[in-house]
Amino acid sequence: MTAYVSNHQKKKETLARRVADLRRSLLAGSSREAILKSVQLVRDSQIRALEAQLATVPPTDDFDRTRADVITRQIEEWRSMTADDVLSRFQK
């Protein structure tokens, strides 16, 4: 039986939409609460997109294992970020 592989393309599209929403909020000078809500949505979407990408990596050889390790580290990095850390990435 084949394991379920999530639709990574849809996750990427959702992430792009969330990032665009955050940038619009920043440009519009929205309230801090609205911006923090957008930041949290971006963070969650980024993690989901990376997890979907990780699910597409076949565990067959060293290259794929290295790729999986890189994605896993990125997931952990995003999970450990505070809202201000994520926000600082988009305020540059």
Protein backbone atom coordinates (compact mmCIF):
# COMPACT_ATOMS: atom_id res chain seq x y z
CA MET A 1 0.00 0.00 0.00
CA THR A 2 1.36 3.39 -0.97
CA ALA A 3 1.71 6.09 1.66
CA TYR A 4 -0.16 9.34 1.10
CA VAL A 5 1.98 12.12 -0.38
CA SER A 6 0.57 15.57 0.20
CA ASN A 7 -0.04 17.95 -2.68
CA HIS A 8 3.13 20.04 -2.44
CA GLN A 9 2.10 22.36 -5.28
CA LYS A 10 -1.00 23.49 -3.41
CA LYS A 11 1.12 24.12 -0.30
CA LYS A 12 3.50 26.30 -2.32
CA GLU A 13 0.60 28.29 -3.76
CA THR A 14 -0.87 28.79 -0.30
CA LEU A 15 2.53 29.95 0.97
CA ALA A 16 2.86 32.45 -1.88
CA ARG A 17 -0.62 33.80 -1.15
CA ARG A 18 0.16 34.15 2.57
CA VAL A 19 3.44 35.95 1.84
CA ALA A 20 1.65 38.34 -0.52
CA ASP A 21 -0.97 39.01 2.17
CA LEU A 22 1.76 39.76 4.71
CA ARG A 23 3.52 42.15 2.35
CA ARG A 24 0.24 43.95 1.65
CA SER A 25 -0.39 44.26 5.40
CA LEU A 26 3.07 45.73 5.91
CA LEU A 27 2.66 48.23 3.06
CA ALA A 28 -0.81 49.23 4.22
CA GLY A 29 0.44 49.89 7.75
CA SER A 30 -2.01 47.44 9.30
CA SER A 31 -2.29 47.00 13.05
CA ARG A 32 0.35 44.99 14.88
CA GLU A 33 -2.23 42.29 15.66
CA ALA A 34 -3.15 41.90 11.98
CA ILE A 35 0.50 41.75 10.98
CA LEU A 36 1.30 39.17 13.66
CA LYS A 37 -1.64 37.05 12.50
CA SER A 38 -0.28 37.19 8.93
CA VAL A 39 3.20 36.34 10.19
CA GLN A 40 1.88 33.26 11.98
CA LEU A 41 0.03 32.16 8.84
CA VAL A 42 3.22 32.58 6.78
CA ARG A 43 5.24 30.59 9.33
CA ASP A 44 2.68 27.77 9.42
CA SER A 45 2.41 27.70 5.61
CA GLN A 46 6.19 27.61 5.24
CA ILE A 47 6.42 24.65 7.59
CA ARG A 48 3.62 22.82 5.75
CA ALA A 49 5.26 23.49 2.37
CA LEU A 50 8.59 22.15 3.61
CA GLU A 51 6.91 19.08 5.10
CA ALA A 52 5.17 18.42 1.77
CA GLN A 53 8.51 18.82 -0.02
CA LEU A 54 10.10 16.39 2.44
CA ALA A 55 7.38 13.84 1.71
CA THR A 56 8.41 13.80 -1.96
CA VAL A 57 12.05 12.88 -1.20
CA PRO A 58 12.56 9.15 -1.69
CA PRO A 59 14.80 7.60 0.98
CA THR A 60 17.04 5.78 -1.48
CA ASP A 61 20.58 7.14 -1.56
CA ASP A 62 22.97 9.57 0.10
CA PHE A 63 21.95 12.54 -2.07
CA ASP A 64 18.30 12.14 -1.14
CA ARG A 65 19.17 11.60 2.50
CA THR A 66 21.23 14.81 2.47
CA ARG A 67 18.36 16.65 0.79
CA ALA A 68 15.97 15.31 3.42
CA ASP A 69 18.34 16.44 6.20
CA VAL A 70 18.49 19.96 4.75
CA ILE A 71 14.71 20.18 4.55
CA THR A 72 14.37 18.80 8.08
CA ARG A 73 16.78 21.45 9.38
CA GLN A 74 14.78 24.15 7.59
CA ILE A 75 11.58 22.89 9.18
CA GLU A 76 13.15 23.01 12.63
CA GLU A 77 14.52 26.49 11.95
CA TRP A 78 11.05 27.78 11.00
CA ARG A 79 9.48 26.06 14.02
CA SER A 80 11.93 27.73 16.38
CA MET A 81 11.40 31.22 14.93
CA THR A 82 9.43 33.80 16.84
CA ALA A 83 6.95 36.07 15.09
CA ASP A 84 9.50 38.90 15.20
CA ASP A 85 12.13 36.67 13.55
CA VAL A 86 9.76 35.89 10.68
CA LEU A 87 8.68 39.51 10.42
CA SER A 88 12.28 40.69 10.17
CA ARG A 89 12.71 38.53 7.04
CA PHE A 90 9.99 40.47 5.29
CA GLN A 91 10.80 43.98 6.47
CA LYS A 92 14.09 44.20 4.60
